[in-house]
Protein backbone atom coordinates (compact mmCIF):
# COMPACT_ATOMS: atom_id res chain seq x y z
CA UNK A 1 201.94 -64.03 -130.07
CA UNK A 2 201.24 -67.31 -128.25
CA UNK A 3 198.20 -65.70 -126.63
CA UNK A 4 196.86 -64.58 -130.01
CA UNK A 5 197.29 -68.11 -131.39
CA UNK A 6 195.48 -69.48 -128.34
CA UNK A 7 192.70 -66.97 -128.92
CA UNK A 8 192.00 -68.43 -132.36
CA UNK A 9 192.32 -72.01 -131.08
CA UNK A 10 189.73 -71.20 -128.41
CA UNK A 11 187.49 -69.50 -130.97
CA UNK A 12 187.52 -72.61 -133.17
CA UNK A 13 187.05 -75.22 -130.45
CA UNK A 14 185.21 -73.71 -127.48
CA UNK A 15 181.72 -74.71 -126.48
CA UNK A 16 179.03 -72.45 -127.96
CA UNK A 17 176.87 -70.52 -125.53
CA UNK A 18 173.20 -70.53 -126.53
CA UNK A 19 173.19 -66.75 -127.07
CA UNK A 20 175.78 -67.13 -129.83
CA UNK A 21 173.46 -69.12 -132.06
CA UNK A 22 170.65 -66.63 -131.79
CA UNK A 23 172.69 -63.45 -132.24
CA UNK A 24 174.60 -64.86 -135.20
CA UNK A 25 171.48 -66.35 -136.77
CA UNK A 26 169.48 -63.10 -136.66
CA UNK A 27 171.56 -61.92 -139.62
CA UNK A 28 169.44 -64.09 -141.92
CA UNK A 29 166.59 -61.66 -141.25
CA UNK A 30 168.60 -58.53 -142.03
CA UNK A 31 166.50 -56.14 -144.15
CA UNK A 32 163.76 -58.81 -144.05
CA UNK A 33 161.35 -58.05 -141.19
CA UNK A 34 164.26 -58.01 -138.77
CA UNK A 35 162.52 -55.78 -136.25
CA UNK A 36 159.38 -57.92 -136.31
CA UNK A 37 161.49 -61.01 -135.69
CA UNK A 38 164.01 -60.41 -132.90
CA UNK A 39 162.69 -60.77 -129.36
CA UNK A 40 162.90 -58.34 -127.70
CA UNK A 41 163.50 -55.68 -130.33
CA UNK A 42 167.00 -54.29 -130.00
CA UNK A 43 169.84 -52.62 -131.86
CA UNK A 44 170.88 -54.54 -134.97
CA UNK A 45 174.43 -53.30 -135.42
CA UNK A 46 175.90 -56.66 -134.51
CA UNK A 47 173.39 -58.33 -136.83
CA UNK A 48 174.79 -56.35 -139.76
CA UNK A 49 178.31 -57.28 -138.64
CA UNK A 50 177.52 -61.00 -138.57
CA UNK A 51 175.93 -60.90 -142.01
CA UNK A 52 179.47 -61.32 -143.34
CA UNK A 53 179.66 -64.80 -141.80
CA UNK A 54 176.48 -65.72 -143.66
CA UNK A 55 177.93 -64.45 -146.92
CA UNK A 56 181.26 -66.26 -146.46
CA UNK A 57 179.98 -69.52 -144.95
CA UNK A 58 178.56 -72.27 -147.16
CA UNK A 59 176.63 -74.28 -144.57
CA UNK A 60 175.46 -73.97 -140.98
CA UNK A 61 178.69 -75.23 -139.42
CA UNK A 62 180.92 -73.00 -141.52
CA UNK A 63 178.75 -69.95 -140.75
CA UNK A 64 179.19 -70.60 -137.03
CA UNK A 65 182.96 -71.04 -137.29
CA UNK A 66 183.44 -68.10 -139.69
CA UNK A 67 181.48 -65.97 -137.23
CA UNK A 68 183.81 -67.07 -134.44
CA UNK A 69 186.93 -66.24 -136.48
CA UNK A 70 185.40 -62.94 -137.56
CA UNK A 71 184.85 -61.98 -133.92
CA UNK A 72 188.32 -63.23 -132.90
CA UNK A 73 189.80 -60.89 -135.51
CA UNK A 74 187.74 -58.11 -133.95
CA UNK A 75 189.29 -59.07 -130.61
CA UNK A 76 192.75 -58.68 -132.14
CA UNK A 77 191.81 -55.19 -133.29
CA UNK A 78 190.66 -54.38 -129.75
CA UNK A 79 194.02 -55.55 -128.44
CA UNK A 80 195.86 -53.42 -131.01
CA UNK A 81 193.85 -50.34 -130.03
CA UNK A 82 194.50 -50.94 -126.34
CA UNK A 83 198.21 -50.92 -127.22
CA UNK A 84 197.70 -47.65 -129.10
CA UNK A 85 195.81 -46.16 -126.14
CA UNK A 86 198.63 -47.13 -123.79
CA UNK A 87 201.16 -45.48 -126.09
CA UNK A 88 199.02 -42.35 -126.32
CA UNK A 89 198.86 -42.23 -122.52
CA UNK A 90 202.65 -42.07 -122.33
CA UNK A 91 203.71 -45.72 -122.03
CA UNK A 92 206.74 -46.94 -123.96
CA UNK A 93 206.55 -49.96 -126.25
CA UNK A 94 207.58 -52.55 -123.68
CA UNK A 95 205.11 -51.30 -121.08
CA UNK A 96 202.34 -51.00 -123.67
CA UNK A 97 202.94 -54.61 -124.73
CA UNK A 98 202.93 -55.63 -121.07
CA UNK A 99 199.52 -53.96 -120.64
CA UNK A 100 198.24 -55.89 -123.65
CA UNK A 101 199.58 -59.11 -122.12
CA UNK A 102 197.75 -58.39 -118.87
CA UNK A 103 194.54 -57.92 -120.84
CA UNK A 104 195.06 -61.23 -122.64
CA UNK A 105 195.64 -62.99 -119.35
CA UNK A 106 192.14 -62.23 -118.04
CA UNK A 107 190.19 -65.47 -118.40
CA UNK A 108 186.98 -63.68 -119.37
CA UNK A 109 188.67 -61.77 -122.17
CA UNK A 110 190.33 -64.84 -123.69
CA UNK A 111 187.25 -67.01 -123.30
CA UNK A 112 184.58 -64.50 -124.37
CA UNK A 113 185.92 -61.90 -126.79
CA UNK A 114 185.62 -64.27 -129.79
CA UNK A 115 181.99 -65.16 -129.13
CA UNK A 116 179.36 -64.33 -131.73
CA UNK A 117 177.48 -61.88 -129.53
CA UNK A 118 177.09 -58.11 -129.60
CA UNK A 119 179.52 -57.17 -126.83
CA UNK A 120 182.84 -57.60 -128.74
CA UNK A 121 181.64 -55.25 -131.49
CA UNK A 122 180.49 -52.72 -128.91
CA UNK A 123 183.85 -52.88 -127.12
CA UNK A 124 185.63 -52.36 -130.45
CA UNK A 125 183.81 -49.08 -131.05
CA UNK A 126 184.19 -47.99 -127.42
CA UNK A 127 187.97 -48.53 -127.45
CA UNK A 128 188.13 -46.71 -130.79
CA UNK A 129 186.23 -43.77 -129.27
CA UNK A 130 188.63 -43.58 -126.32
CA UNK A 131 191.61 -43.84 -128.67
CA UNK A 132 190.36 -40.85 -130.67
CA UNK A 133 190.06 -38.84 -127.45
CA UNK A 134 193.46 -39.70 -125.96
CA UNK A 135 195.31 -39.29 -129.26
CA UNK A 136 193.73 -36.01 -130.35
CA UNK A 137 193.93 -32.43 -129.21
CA UNK A 138 190.25 -32.68 -128.17
CA UNK A 139 188.99 -30.30 -130.80
CA UNK A 140 185.26 -30.24 -131.55
CA UNK A 141 185.93 -32.39 -134.62
CA UNK A 142 187.64 -35.11 -132.62
CA UNK A 143 185.01 -35.17 -129.88
CA UNK A 144 182.34 -35.39 -132.59
CA UNK A 145 184.16 -38.38 -134.11
CA UNK A 146 184.34 -40.01 -130.67
CA UNK A 147 180.60 -39.43 -130.32
CA UNK A 148 179.92 -41.13 -133.65
CA UNK A 149 181.98 -44.15 -132.55
CA UNK A 150 180.24 -44.16 -129.19
CA UNK A 151 176.91 -44.16 -131.01
CA UNK A 152 178.01 -47.13 -133.11
CA UNK A 153 178.83 -48.99 -129.90
CA UNK A 154 175.29 -48.25 -128.69
CA UNK A 155 173.91 -49.62 -131.95
CA UNK A 156 175.75 -52.90 -131.35
CA UNK A 157 174.11 -53.37 -127.95
CA UNK A 158 172.23 -50.90 -125.81
CA UNK A 159 174.33 -51.94 -122.80
CA UNK A 160 176.84 -49.61 -124.48
CA UNK A 161 174.99 -46.73 -122.88
CA UNK A 162 177.58 -47.48 -120.18
CA UNK A 163 180.32 -46.44 -122.60
CA UNK A 164 178.38 -43.33 -123.55
CA UNK A 165 177.98 -42.30 -119.91
CA UNK A 166 181.61 -43.10 -119.07
CA UNK A 167 183.03 -41.12 -122.00
CA UNK A 168 180.72 -38.18 -121.40
CA UNK A 169 181.65 -38.05 -117.72
CA UNK A 170 185.32 -38.30 -118.58
CA UNK A 171 185.21 -35.38 -121.01
CA UNK A 172 182.92 -33.13 -118.96
CA UNK A 173 184.21 -33.91 -115.45
CA UNK A 174 187.82 -33.30 -116.46
CA UNK A 175 186.93 -29.88 -117.85
CA UNK A 176 184.81 -29.03 -114.81
CA UNK A 177 187.58 -29.92 -112.35
CA UNK A 178 189.90 -27.63 -114.26
CA UNK A 179 187.19 -24.92 -114.01
CA UNK A 180 186.76 -24.88 -117.79
CA UNK A 181 183.00 -25.07 -117.72
CA UNK A 182 182.35 -23.77 -121.22
CA UNK A 183 184.80 -26.34 -122.58
CA UNK A 184 182.95 -29.07 -120.72
CA UNK A 185 179.61 -27.98 -122.18
CA UNK A 186 181.07 -27.82 -125.67
CA UNK A 187 182.56 -31.29 -125.31
CA UNK A 188 179.28 -32.71 -124.07
CA UNK A 189 177.35 -31.10 -126.93
CA UNK A 190 179.76 -32.45 -129.57
CA UNK A 191 179.70 -35.91 -128.04
CA UNK A 192 175.89 -36.01 -127.98
CA UNK A 193 175.75 -34.65 -131.53
CA UNK A 194 178.08 -37.37 -132.81
CA UNK A 195 176.12 -40.03 -130.93
CA UNK A 196 172.85 -38.67 -132.36
CA UNK A 197 174.20 -38.72 -135.92
CA UNK A 198 174.89 -42.46 -135.62
CA UNK A 199 171.42 -43.10 -134.20
CA UNK A 200 169.68 -41.02 -136.88
CA UNK A 201 171.58 -42.71 -139.70
CA UNK A 202 170.70 -46.12 -138.28
CA UNK A 203 166.99 -45.29 -137.98
CA UNK A 204 166.77 -44.07 -141.59
CA UNK A 205 168.84 -46.97 -142.99
CA UNK A 206 166.59 -49.57 -141.39
CA UNK A 207 163.35 -47.57 -141.29
CA UNK A 208 163.47 -45.71 -144.58
CA UNK A 209 160.71 -43.13 -144.67
CA UNK A 210 159.34 -44.37 -141.34
CA UNK A 211 162.24 -44.29 -138.87
CA UNK A 212 160.12 -43.83 -135.72
CA UNK A 213 159.43 -47.56 -135.04
CA UNK A 214 163.15 -48.26 -135.37
CA UNK A 215 163.93 -45.51 -132.88
CA UNK A 216 161.31 -46.94 -130.51
CA UNK A 217 162.96 -50.35 -130.70
CA UNK A 218 166.19 -48.80 -129.42
CA UNK A 219 164.38 -47.61 -126.32
CA UNK A 220 161.61 -50.02 -125.39
CA UNK A 221 163.42 -53.28 -126.13
CA UNK A 222 166.25 -52.55 -123.67
CA UNK A 223 163.78 -51.21 -121.11
CA UNK A 224 161.97 -54.57 -121.20
CA UNK A 225 165.20 -56.45 -120.49
CA UNK A 226 166.47 -53.93 -117.92
CA UNK A 227 163.25 -53.96 -115.90
CA UNK A 228 163.16 -57.75 -116.01
CA UNK A 229 166.66 -58.03 -114.55
CA UNK A 230 168.37 -61.26 -113.58
CA UNK A 231 166.03 -62.27 -110.76
CA UNK A 232 164.57 -65.13 -112.80
CA UNK A 233 168.00 -66.76 -112.89
CA UNK A 234 168.18 -66.83 -109.11
CA UNK A 235 170.73 -64.03 -108.98
CA UNK A 236 173.98 -63.89 -110.91
CA UNK A 237 176.33 -62.22 -108.44
CA UNK A 238 178.23 -65.48 -108.10
CA UNK A 239 179.62 -64.81 -111.59
CA UNK A 240 181.26 -61.64 -110.26
CA UNK A 241 182.91 -63.67 -107.52
CA UNK A 242 183.92 -66.25 -110.13
CA UNK A 243 185.86 -63.75 -112.26
CA UNK A 244 187.43 -62.09 -109.23
CA UNK A 245 188.72 -65.39 -107.85
CA UNK A 246 190.04 -66.61 -111.19
CA UNK A 247 191.92 -63.40 -111.90
CA UNK A 248 192.56 -62.12 -108.40
CA UNK A 249 196.15 -60.95 -108.97
CA UNK A 250 195.27 -59.18 -112.22
CA UNK A 251 192.28 -57.46 -110.62
CA UNK A 252 194.40 -56.34 -107.67
CA UNK A 253 196.88 -54.70 -110.03
CA UNK A 254 194.15 -53.02 -112.12
CA UNK A 255 191.99 -51.84 -109.22
CA UNK A 256 194.96 -50.56 -107.22
CA UNK A 257 196.38 -48.93 -110.35
CA UNK A 258 193.17 -46.96 -110.89
CA UNK A 259 193.00 -46.05 -107.19
CA UNK A 260 196.62 -44.86 -107.10
CA UNK A 261 196.12 -42.82 -110.26
CA UNK A 262 192.98 -41.25 -108.81
CA UNK A 263 194.95 -40.15 -105.75
CA UNK A 264 197.17 -38.01 -107.96
CA UNK A 265 194.40 -37.03 -110.35
CA UNK A 266 195.34 -33.34 -110.70
CA UNK A 267 198.94 -34.18 -111.54
CA UNK A 268 197.93 -36.33 -114.51
CA UNK A 269 197.88 -35.03 -118.07
CA UNK A 270 194.48 -34.16 -119.48
CA UNK A 271 194.16 -37.27 -121.66
CA UNK A 272 195.17 -39.49 -118.75
CA UNK A 273 192.54 -37.88 -116.53
CA UNK A 274 189.83 -38.47 -119.12
CA UNK A 275 190.92 -42.08 -119.65
CA UNK A 276 191.01 -42.67 -115.90
CA UNK A 277 187.48 -41.35 -115.33
CA UNK A 278 186.26 -43.41 -118.29
CA UNK A 279 187.92 -46.56 -116.92
CA UNK A 280 186.58 -46.13 -113.38
CA UNK A 281 183.03 -45.37 -114.47
CA UNK A 282 182.77 -48.25 -116.92
CA UNK A 283 184.28 -50.65 -114.37
CA UNK A 284 181.77 -49.65 -111.70
CA UNK A 285 178.82 -49.88 -114.08
CA UNK A 286 179.85 -53.30 -115.37
CA UNK A 287 180.41 -54.76 -111.91
CA UNK A 288 177.08 -53.52 -110.54
CA UNK A 289 175.17 -54.70 -113.63
CA UNK A 290 172.36 -57.00 -112.45
CA UNK A 291 173.01 -59.56 -115.20
CA UNK A 292 176.81 -59.98 -115.00
CA UNK A 293 177.19 -62.84 -117.45
CA UNK A 294 180.90 -63.59 -118.00
CA UNK A 295 180.94 -61.92 -121.43
CA UNK A 296 179.78 -58.61 -119.89
CA UNK A 297 183.15 -58.17 -118.17
CA UNK A 298 184.93 -57.72 -121.50
CA UNK A 299 183.26 -54.31 -121.57
CA UNK A 300 185.53 -53.18 -118.72
CA UNK A 301 188.71 -55.28 -118.99
CA UNK A 302 190.42 -53.39 -121.88
CA UNK A 303 190.14 -50.11 -119.96
CA UNK A 304 191.08 -51.53 -116.57
CA UNK A 305 194.25 -53.06 -118.02
CA UNK A 306 195.56 -49.60 -118.98
CA UNK A 307 196.35 -49.00 -115.29
CA UNK A 308 197.71 -52.44 -114.42
CA UNK A 309 201.39 -51.38 -114.25
CA UNK A 310 200.83 -48.28 -112.10
CA UNK A 311 201.30 -50.18 -108.78
CA UNK A 312 204.77 -51.25 -109.91
CA UNK A 313 205.71 -47.61 -110.50
CA UNK A 314 204.75 -46.68 -106.95
CA UNK A 315 206.82 -49.42 -105.30
CA UNK A 316 209.79 -49.50 -107.67
CA UNK A 317 212.00 -47.87 -105.04
CA UNK A 318 211.27 -50.66 -102.56
CA UNK A 319 213.24 -53.57 -103.99
CA UNK A 320 211.60 -56.23 -101.86
CA UNK A 321 208.03 -55.13 -102.53
CA UNK A 322 208.76 -54.62 -106.20
CA UNK A 323 210.18 -58.13 -106.49
CA UNK A 324 207.17 -59.69 -104.72
CA UNK A 325 204.72 -57.79 -106.92
CA UNK A 326 206.62 -58.71 -110.08
CA UNK A 327 206.71 -62.39 -109.15
CA UNK A 328 202.96 -62.34 -108.42
CA UNK A 329 202.20 -60.73 -111.77
CA UNK A 330 204.46 -63.08 -113.72
CA UNK A 331 202.92 -66.07 -111.93
CA UNK A 332 199.43 -64.88 -112.86
CA UNK A 333 200.53 -64.54 -116.49
CA UNK A 334 201.99 -68.07 -116.58
CA UNK A 335 198.93 -69.60 -114.91
CA UNK A 336 196.70 -67.88 -117.48
CA UNK A 337 198.28 -69.95 -120.25
CA UNK A 338 197.49 -73.13 -118.31
CA UNK A 339 193.93 -71.91 -117.76
CA UNK A 340 193.45 -71.28 -121.50
CA UNK A 341 194.59 -74.79 -122.38
CA UNK A 342 192.43 -76.39 -119.66
CA UNK A 343 189.41 -74.45 -120.97
CA UNK A 344 189.68 -76.37 -124.24
CA UNK A 345 188.12 -79.37 -122.50
CA UNK A 346 184.78 -77.62 -123.01
CA UNK A 347 184.77 -78.23 -126.76
CA UNK A 348 182.03 -77.76 -129.35
CA UNK A 349 182.41 -81.07 -131.22
CA UNK A 350 179.04 -82.47 -130.11
CA UNK A 351 177.27 -79.18 -130.84
CA UNK A 352 178.71 -78.93 -134.35
CA UNK A 353 177.90 -82.58 -135.05
CA UNK A 354 174.27 -81.91 -134.09
CA UNK A 355 174.15 -78.80 -136.28
CA UNK A 356 175.61 -80.64 -139.29
CA UNK A 357 173.30 -83.63 -138.87
CA UNK A 358 170.21 -81.45 -138.46
CA UNK A 359 171.06 -79.35 -141.52
CA UNK A 360 171.56 -82.47 -143.64
CA UNK A 361 168.02 -83.57 -142.80
CA UNK A 362 166.39 -80.27 -143.75
CA UNK A 363 165.75 -78.95 -147.25
CA UNK A 364 166.36 -75.20 -147.63
CA UNK A 365 162.63 -74.50 -147.35
CA UNK A 366 162.02 -76.71 -144.31
CA UNK A 367 161.49 -75.19 -140.90
CA UNK A 368 162.85 -76.26 -137.54
CA UNK A 369 162.48 -75.14 -133.93
CA UNK A 370 164.71 -75.33 -130.88
CA UNK A 371 164.18 -72.05 -129.03
CA UNK A 372 167.83 -71.05 -129.45
CA UNK A 373 168.39 -70.84 -133.23
CA UNK A 374 171.17 -73.40 -133.72
CA UNK A 375 170.83 -73.42 -137.52
CA UNK A 376 171.74 -69.93 -138.76
CA UNK A 377 170.77 -70.69 -142.37
CA UNK A 378 167.40 -72.37 -141.88
CA UNK A 379 163.95 -70.89 -141.24
CA UNK A 380 162.03 -71.09 -137.98
CA UNK A 381 158.28 -70.75 -137.45
CA UNK A 382 159.12 -68.26 -134.70
CA UNK A 383 162.27 -66.89 -133.11
CA UNK A 384 160.81 -67.45 -129.67
CA UNK A 385 163.85 -67.26 -127.41
CA UNK A 386 163.61 -69.83 -124.63
CA UNK A 387 165.67 -68.12 -121.97
CA UNK A 388 164.59 -68.42 -118.37
CA UNK A 389 162.04 -65.62 -118.77
CA UNK A 390 160.24 -67.20 -121.72
CA UNK A 391 160.47 -70.70 -120.27
CA UNK A 392 158.64 -69.51 -117.15
CA UNK A 393 156.17 -67.55 -119.29
CA UNK A 394 155.48 -70.68 -121.37
CA UNK A 395 154.86 -72.81 -118.28
CA UNK A 396 152.63 -70.11 -116.83
CA UNK A 397 150.59 -69.47 -120.00
CA UNK A 398 150.20 -73.12 -121.06
CA UNK A 399 148.05 -73.48 -124.17
CA UNK A 400 147.98 -69.69 -124.55
CA UNK A 401 151.77 -69.50 -124.88
CA UNK A 402 153.69 -68.76 -128.06
CA UNK A 403 155.38 -72.17 -127.90
CA UNK A 404 152.01 -73.93 -127.86
CA UNK A 405 150.81 -71.76 -130.73
CA UNK A 406 153.87 -72.67 -132.81
CA UNK A 407 153.23 -76.40 -132.60
CA UNK A 408 149.47 -76.07 -133.00
CA UNK A 409 149.39 -73.62 -135.93
CA UNK A 410 152.76 -73.72 -137.73
CA UNK A 411 154.60 -76.89 -136.64
CA UNK A 412 158.16 -77.36 -137.89
CA UNK A 413 159.51 -80.40 -139.68
CA UNK A 414 162.25 -80.86 -137.10
CA UNK A 415 162.87 -80.14 -133.42
CA UNK A 416 166.38 -79.80 -131.99
CA UNK A 417 166.15 -80.89 -128.37
CA UNK A 418 167.98 -79.30 -125.44
CA UNK A 419 167.35 -78.80 -121.76
CA UNK A 420 165.29 -75.70 -122.63
CA UNK A 421 162.92 -77.80 -124.74
CA UNK A 422 162.83 -80.30 -121.89
CA UNK A 423 161.66 -77.51 -119.57
CA UNK A 424 158.63 -76.65 -121.73
CA UNK A 425 157.77 -80.26 -122.63
CA UNK A 426 154.81 -80.39 -120.19
CA UNK A 427 153.15 -77.63 -122.24
CA UNK A 428 153.84 -78.89 -125.75
CA UNK A 429 153.70 -82.65 -125.02
CA UNK A 430 150.13 -83.10 -126.37
CA UNK A 431 151.23 -81.55 -129.68
CA UNK A 432 154.45 -83.50 -130.24
CA UNK A 433 154.07 -86.82 -128.40
CA UNK A 434 152.35 -88.53 -131.32
CA UNK A 435 153.70 -86.25 -134.05
CA UNK A 436 157.51 -86.45 -133.86
CA UNK A 437 159.97 -89.31 -133.64
CA UNK A 438 163.57 -89.31 -132.42
CA UNK A 439 166.01 -90.21 -135.23
CA UNK A 440 169.27 -89.17 -133.53
CA UNK A 441 170.26 -87.75 -130.15
CA UNK A 442 168.60 -84.33 -129.72
CA UNK A 443 166.82 -84.62 -133.09
CA UNK A 444 163.11 -85.24 -133.67
CA UNK A 445 161.44 -85.31 -137.10
CA UNK A 446 157.77 -85.24 -137.99
CA UNK A 447 156.90 -88.93 -138.13
CA UNK A 448 156.05 -92.08 -136.22
CA UNK A 449 157.85 -95.26 -135.17
CA UNK A 450 155.88 -98.32 -136.28
CA UNK A 451 156.04 -101.95 -135.18
CA UNK A 452 154.71 -104.82 -137.31
CA UNK A 453 151.04 -105.46 -136.58
CA UNK A 454 150.73 -102.79 -133.86
CA UNK A 455 148.44 -99.83 -134.40
CA UNK A 456 149.86 -96.38 -133.62
CA UNK A 457 148.24 -92.95 -133.62
CA UNK A 458 150.19 -90.59 -135.85
CA UNK A 459 149.02 -86.99 -135.48
CA UNK A 460 150.49 -85.63 -138.72
CA UNK A 461 151.96 -82.17 -137.94
CA UNK A 462 152.75 -81.11 -141.51
CA UNK A 463 150.98 -82.39 -144.65
CA UNK A 464 153.07 -84.03 -147.34
CA UNK A 465 154.29 -87.29 -148.85
CA UNK A 466 155.40 -89.84 -146.23
CA UNK A 467 157.29 -93.08 -146.71
CA UNK A 468 158.83 -95.93 -144.72
CA UNK A 469 162.47 -95.84 -143.60
CA UNK A 470 164.75 -98.00 -141.49
CA UNK A 471 166.42 -96.93 -138.25
CA UNK A 472 169.48 -95.96 -140.32
CA UNK A 473 167.47 -93.85 -142.76
CA UNK A 474 167.39 -96.16 -145.79
CA UNK A 475 164.05 -96.46 -147.66
CA UNK A 476 162.06 -99.64 -146.88
CA UNK A 477 159.68 -101.76 -148.92
CA UNK A 478 156.52 -102.55 -147.04
CA UNK A 479 152.85 -101.87 -146.60
CA UNK A 480 151.20 -99.58 -144.12
CA UNK A 481 147.54 -99.37 -143.13
CA UNK A 482 146.37 -95.78 -142.71
CA UNK A 483 142.81 -95.34 -141.43
CA UNK A 484 141.81 -98.68 -142.98
CA UNK A 485 143.49 -98.24 -146.36
CA UNK A 486 146.68 -100.15 -147.16
CA UNK A 487 149.49 -98.43 -149.10
CA UNK A 488 152.63 -100.12 -150.41
CA UNK A 489 154.34 -96.91 -151.58
CA UNK A 490 154.84 -93.36 -150.29
CA UNK A 491 151.51 -91.66 -149.61
CA UNK A 492 150.35 -88.09 -149.22
CA UNK A 493 149.00 -87.41 -145.73
CA UNK A 494 146.95 -84.45 -144.61
CA UNK A 495 147.51 -82.98 -141.19
CA UNK A 496 145.65 -84.46 -138.25
CA UNK A 497 145.48 -87.78 -136.36
CA UNK A 498 145.73 -91.04 -138.33
CA UNK A 499 145.46 -94.68 -137.22
CA UNK A 500 148.58 -96.32 -138.67
CA UNK A 501 149.65 -99.97 -138.68
CA UNK A 502 152.71 -101.55 -140.31
CA UNK A 503 151.38 -104.55 -142.28
CA UNK A 504 154.37 -105.81 -144.28
CA UNK A 505 158.12 -105.39 -144.10
CA UNK A 506 160.62 -105.52 -141.27
CA UNK A 507 159.57 -105.66 -137.66
CA UNK A 508 160.14 -101.93 -137.18
CA UNK A 509 159.98 -98.88 -139.48
CA UNK A 510 159.86 -95.10 -139.39
CA UNK A 511 157.07 -93.26 -141.21
CA UNK A 512 158.69 -89.97 -142.24
CA UNK A 513 158.33 -87.15 -144.79
CA UNK A 514 159.83 -88.36 -148.04
CA UNK A 515 163.51 -87.44 -148.24
CA UNK A 516 167.11 -88.64 -148.38
CA UNK A 517 168.06 -89.87 -144.91
CA UNK A 518 170.48 -92.77 -145.53
CA UNK A 519 173.34 -92.74 -143.04
CA UNK A 520 172.07 -89.57 -141.32
CA UNK A 521 170.31 -91.19 -138.37
CA UNK A 522 172.13 -92.20 -135.23
CA UNK A 523 171.06 -94.33 -132.27
CA UNK A 524 171.38 -92.94 -128.78
CA UNK A 525 169.58 -90.90 -126.15
CA UNK A 526 169.42 -87.12 -125.91
CA UNK A 527 172.43 -85.30 -124.48
CA UNK A 528 170.91 -82.65 -122.23
CA UNK A 529 174.36 -81.66 -120.95
CA UNK A 530 175.44 -80.35 -124.37
CA UNK A 531 175.46 -76.79 -123.03
CA UNK A 532 176.78 -77.61 -119.58
CA UNK A 533 179.80 -75.65 -118.33
CA UNK A 534 179.14 -72.84 -120.82
CA UNK A 535 179.83 -70.25 -118.14
CA UNK A 536 182.46 -72.18 -116.19
């Protein structure tokens, strides 16, 4: 129970990873040019799931937190189904609860399963599919149901093809090893049929009378990402070492448990054999994945944990070895609680403050850009995703890049600044240097900072009514010379460069789109470390 409470505390307070903003925010495009918007095109099952957060939340911050709680609840359901799987595989209540505890002690599970990304939803359907298999008599109807659930996992994220392969191999290989070849073929056919039914339903729901483009998005989007790999990040194998070192005792128990069970494979019951093959295959596929971000490991951990107590069974007769192993496992469990509490130091307070401040400065129809989608309820001129691949592409393409096109043809009212925007600044600098002004850390608004008597060039990015404001956002009385004409009240400006001089008023003023800004500005420099330690 303490672990479950900690899970929700972590969900509420933990630092947001950039991917969470984008994947949660895509739900605003659901049934509204979704497949023309997401880059690259991909399955939208998780997008439909996160639509609930948009319906429940009342502003950007609440949508983000509701999404976190929504996914944490999904994590609880995963835990409950792992318990049910353990019971179906012959474990008693105490041992099944112990298996659940082992799962909750993995740092990656506790720190990632609540995140607003596609993987938790995919794991939910994958565990459900395995539960159907290990609980049922493996009739055609049950295998078909498992196939449908496996297909739903695939529709959450195409990485779930790993689950599809693992479950198929489990069902077919078990039958083949028992020389029941016709049974294996029948199982494979039912599984594929169930999987296909989910895919077909999805294509027609989102594609209507033209489902082919939707089906293509399920294939070519993932191929683009898979062929790209993780090379642009300089290799990510260190993240595998990271999880192994942080959970070494737990991994030893799980890996050795699967190995020991494999050694007596033929003596296992049929459902245990299928679950074992499934667990081994998914573990291997996850650990050899070329982009092993920490959240990817939650795709294997629920299934690995099913075998975590097997080593204790094999050494129970040796009192000394059993005691040592038990002490090691209990120590790992205790240390995991400490690790969870320490992880809270990476909190999301600064991120949520930025989100709330940015939203307060934007009217519902205003557009913003940040390359990561931090405002799930506001429009963007483009959902260009500034991961390493697109950052490098932007730097390489220069004024032919999508980022340059955004600021030259459809500039936003506001820019949320992060280290990813800093990376592409050399490309977009000519378009924003004289067009946007910093009003708070990590926030730039269309406008110009003026000093009494000094002429500035203001390259107006978006046409509209502009007025004078103080550094705190309160309206100012004053006069401003624009291209030789003096105005003492808000004035409509067309887009393009203007020669602007503050003639009357305080020594400094901000020329901004007319709006209500009082108390919403904040002095200070940008915090480019706002997303630091996201994968620590």
